[in-house]
């Protein structure tokens, strides 16, 4: 049960953003730029970073949502997403993405945990300054989102198909366009 009176029938972040729409616009724009805007990291890679950080923060809604978006961006490869959550070092992803996930994991623990060695390791694997920057900002944004969703005790449905369908829609339409459409109006179980 949410800690405050959030709009009923909206899961996770949707309820938070609907409660205070004036904060939804800048958060949505930042997510759109970072996750689907121009950049050299593929959209699926960015979503894997968000999924990994959210799994490390144990945020069910965000790891499920962004895992579904990642899978949709990666030819529906849900198994790869699962492997990244559990043990990215042994997942079938590039050495560069593995190095960036190390940095993302350090950010998840706290900004001062990011080491020069991790950044240098990412550079050795071909990561650019922009990719390192965006990894840090994606990880920081998802720490914020995870704490926002969990800190208000939002409703987080356990319906994999709902996440899968929403993930496909966000992958296809982007964060801002997909959020304009109403989410499934389901009552919490």
Protein backbone atom coordinates (compact mmCIF):
# COMPACT_ATOMS: atom_id res chain seq x y z
CA UNK A 1 0.00 0.00 0.00
CA UNK A 2 1.47 3.37 -0.99
CA UNK A 3 2.65 5.66 1.79
CA UNK A 4 0.65 8.58 0.33
CA UNK A 5 -2.55 8.81 -1.72
CA UNK A 6 -1.18 8.10 -5.20
CA UNK A 7 -3.51 7.77 -8.21
CA UNK A 8 -5.04 4.31 -8.14
CA UNK A 9 -4.46 1.80 -10.90
CA UNK A 10 -1.13 3.29 -12.02
CA UNK A 11 1.95 1.18 -11.34
CA UNK A 12 5.35 2.38 -10.15
CA UNK A 13 6.73 5.49 -11.74
CA UNK A 14 3.46 6.28 -13.54
CA UNK A 15 1.75 6.82 -10.18
CA UNK A 16 4.58 9.03 -8.92
CA UNK A 17 4.55 11.18 -12.03
CA UNK A 18 0.76 11.45 -12.12
CA UNK A 19 0.77 12.62 -8.49
CA UNK A 20 3.02 15.58 -9.34
CA UNK A 21 2.85 16.23 -13.10
CA UNK A 22 5.11 19.27 -12.99
CA UNK A 23 8.00 16.96 -12.08
CA UNK A 24 7.00 14.45 -14.77
CA UNK A 25 7.97 16.72 -17.65
CA UNK A 26 11.66 17.27 -16.77
CA UNK A 27 12.14 13.67 -15.62
CA UNK A 28 10.53 12.37 -18.82
CA UNK A 29 12.64 14.65 -20.98
CA UNK A 30 15.85 13.57 -19.21
CA UNK A 31 14.93 9.90 -19.61
CA UNK A 32 14.09 10.44 -23.29
CA UNK A 33 17.44 12.15 -23.98
CA UNK A 34 19.54 9.65 -22.05
CA UNK A 35 17.78 6.47 -23.05
CA UNK A 36 16.65 7.15 -26.61
CA UNK A 37 18.37 10.31 -27.77
CA UNK A 38 21.42 10.53 -30.01
CA UNK A 39 24.47 8.70 -28.72
CA UNK A 40 26.92 5.95 -29.52
CA UNK A 41 25.54 3.48 -27.01
CA UNK A 42 22.73 1.44 -28.51
CA UNK A 43 19.32 1.87 -26.92
CA UNK A 44 19.39 -1.72 -25.72
CA UNK A 45 22.75 -1.11 -24.03
CA UNK A 46 21.41 1.95 -22.23
CA UNK A 47 18.39 -0.03 -21.08
CA UNK A 48 20.65 -2.82 -19.82
CA UNK A 49 22.51 -0.25 -17.70
CA UNK A 50 19.19 0.96 -16.24
CA UNK A 51 18.04 -2.62 -15.67
CA UNK A 52 21.27 -3.62 -13.96
CA UNK A 53 21.29 -0.60 -11.62
CA UNK A 54 17.60 -1.15 -10.80
CA UNK A 55 18.26 -4.81 -10.03
CA UNK A 56 21.14 -3.87 -7.75
CA UNK A 57 18.78 -1.47 -5.96
CA UNK A 58 16.17 -4.26 -5.77
CA UNK A 59 13.51 -2.10 -7.43
CA UNK A 60 11.10 -4.61 -8.92
CA UNK A 61 9.14 -2.11 -11.01
CA UNK A 62 12.15 -0.43 -12.64
CA UNK A 63 14.14 -3.60 -13.30
CA UNK A 64 11.03 -5.22 -14.80
CA UNK A 65 10.09 -2.15 -16.87
CA UNK A 66 13.55 -1.44 -18.21
CA UNK A 67 14.38 -5.11 -18.61
CA UNK A 68 11.33 -5.36 -20.87
CA UNK A 69 12.40 -2.28 -22.84
CA UNK A 70 15.93 -3.69 -23.15
CA UNK A 71 14.58 -7.01 -24.40
CA UNK A 72 12.35 -5.21 -26.93
CA UNK A 73 15.40 -3.30 -28.20
CA UNK A 74 17.44 -6.53 -28.36
CA UNK A 75 15.19 -8.69 -30.55
CA UNK A 76 13.14 -9.84 -27.54
CA UNK A 77 16.20 -11.44 -25.90
CA UNK A 78 14.81 -11.78 -22.38
CA UNK A 79 17.45 -14.37 -21.53
CA UNK A 80 20.26 -11.87 -22.16
CA UNK A 81 18.51 -9.36 -19.90
CA UNK A 82 18.23 -12.00 -17.16
CA UNK A 83 21.93 -12.84 -17.49
CA UNK A 84 22.94 -9.18 -17.26
CA UNK A 85 20.89 -8.81 -14.06
CA UNK A 86 22.40 -11.90 -12.48
CA UNK A 87 26.02 -11.92 -13.69
CA UNK A 88 26.85 -9.45 -16.44
CA UNK A 89 30.50 -10.53 -16.53
CA UNK A 90 29.38 -13.84 -18.07
CA UNK A 91 26.65 -12.42 -20.32
CA UNK A 92 27.06 -12.29 -24.09
CA UNK A 93 27.71 -8.54 -24.24
CA UNK A 94 30.70 -6.51 -25.38
CA UNK A 95 33.73 -5.94 -23.18
CA UNK A 96 32.96 -2.23 -23.40
CA UNK A 97 29.46 -2.68 -22.00
CA UNK A 98 30.82 -4.91 -19.23
CA UNK A 99 33.30 -2.17 -18.31
CA UNK A 100 30.52 0.42 -18.33
CA UNK A 101 28.38 -1.81 -16.12
CA UNK A 102 31.25 -1.91 -13.62
CA UNK A 103 31.07 1.89 -13.48
CA UNK A 104 27.26 1.81 -13.23
CA UNK A 105 27.53 -0.60 -10.30
CA UNK A 106 29.97 1.72 -8.58
CA UNK A 107 27.61 4.67 -9.07
CA UNK A 108 24.79 2.55 -7.60
CA UNK A 109 26.84 2.19 -4.41
CA UNK A 110 27.62 5.92 -4.34
CA UNK A 111 29.28 8.44 -6.64
CA UNK A 112 32.55 8.38 -4.71
CA UNK A 113 32.81 4.63 -5.34
CA UNK A 114 33.61 5.25 -9.02
CA UNK A 115 37.30 4.57 -9.45
CA UNK A 116 39.84 5.92 -11.90
CA UNK A 117 40.75 2.29 -12.61
CA UNK A 118 37.18 1.49 -13.67
CA UNK A 119 37.06 4.54 -15.93
CA UNK A 120 40.44 3.66 -17.45
CA UNK A 121 39.25 0.07 -17.93
CA UNK A 122 36.22 1.35 -19.85
CA UNK A 123 38.47 3.54 -22.00
CA UNK A 124 40.73 0.56 -22.76
CA UNK A 125 37.62 -1.26 -23.99
CA UNK A 126 36.78 1.62 -26.34
CA UNK A 127 34.37 3.70 -24.24
CA UNK A 128 34.33 7.39 -25.06
CA UNK A 129 34.04 10.20 -22.54
CA UNK A 130 30.42 10.69 -23.65
CA UNK A 131 29.65 7.00 -23.04
CA UNK A 132 31.26 7.15 -19.60
CA UNK A 133 29.36 10.34 -18.81
CA UNK A 134 26.06 8.89 -19.97
CA UNK A 135 26.63 5.67 -18.03
CA UNK A 136 27.18 7.64 -14.83
CA UNK A 137 24.11 9.80 -15.48
CA UNK A 138 21.90 6.81 -16.41
CA UNK A 139 22.99 5.01 -13.23
CA UNK A 140 22.37 8.12 -11.12
CA UNK A 141 18.97 8.74 -12.73
CA UNK A 142 17.87 5.18 -12.06
CA UNK A 143 19.03 5.35 -8.46
CA UNK A 144 16.74 8.38 -8.17
CA UNK A 145 13.87 6.61 -9.93
CA UNK A 146 14.30 3.42 -7.90
CA UNK A 147 14.21 5.34 -4.65
CA UNK A 148 11.24 7.42 -5.83
CA UNK A 149 9.18 4.34 -6.76
CA UNK A 150 10.14 2.30 -3.69
CA UNK A 151 10.23 5.25 -1.28
CA UNK A 152 6.54 5.90 -1.90
CA UNK A 153 5.72 2.16 -1.80
CA UNK A 154 4.05 2.28 -5.22
CA UNK A 155 1.98 -0.56 -6.58
CA UNK A 156 4.30 -2.84 -8.57
CA UNK A 157 2.33 -5.52 -10.41
CA UNK A 158 3.84 -8.95 -10.91
CA UNK A 159 2.47 -9.29 -14.45
CA UNK A 160 5.34 -10.06 -16.85
CA UNK A 161 3.09 -9.60 -19.88
CA UNK A 162 2.14 -6.07 -18.80
CA UNK A 163 5.85 -5.15 -18.57
CA UNK A 164 6.57 -6.88 -21.88
CA UNK A 165 3.84 -4.94 -23.72
CA UNK A 166 4.80 -1.63 -22.11
CA UNK A 167 8.47 -2.31 -22.95
CA UNK A 168 7.63 -2.84 -26.61
CA UNK A 169 5.59 0.38 -26.66
CA UNK A 170 8.37 2.46 -25.07
CA UNK A 171 10.98 0.92 -27.38
CA UNK A 172 8.79 1.77 -30.37
CA UNK A 173 7.43 5.19 -29.35
CA UNK A 174 9.86 6.60 -26.79
CA UNK A 175 9.38 7.55 -23.18
CA UNK A 176 7.39 10.73 -23.66
CA UNK A 177 4.95 9.39 -26.29
CA UNK A 178 4.38 6.11 -24.45
CA UNK A 179 3.72 7.91 -21.16
CA UNK A 180 1.00 10.02 -22.79
CA UNK A 181 -1.00 6.86 -23.37
CA UNK A 182 -2.84 5.54 -20.40
CA UNK A 183 -1.39 2.54 -18.64
CA UNK A 184 -3.56 -0.47 -17.90
CA UNK A 185 -6.02 0.54 -15.23
CA UNK A 186 -5.76 -2.45 -12.95
CA UNK A 187 -6.57 -2.51 -9.29
CA UNK A 188 -3.76 -3.60 -6.97
CA UNK A 189 -4.07 -7.21 -5.93
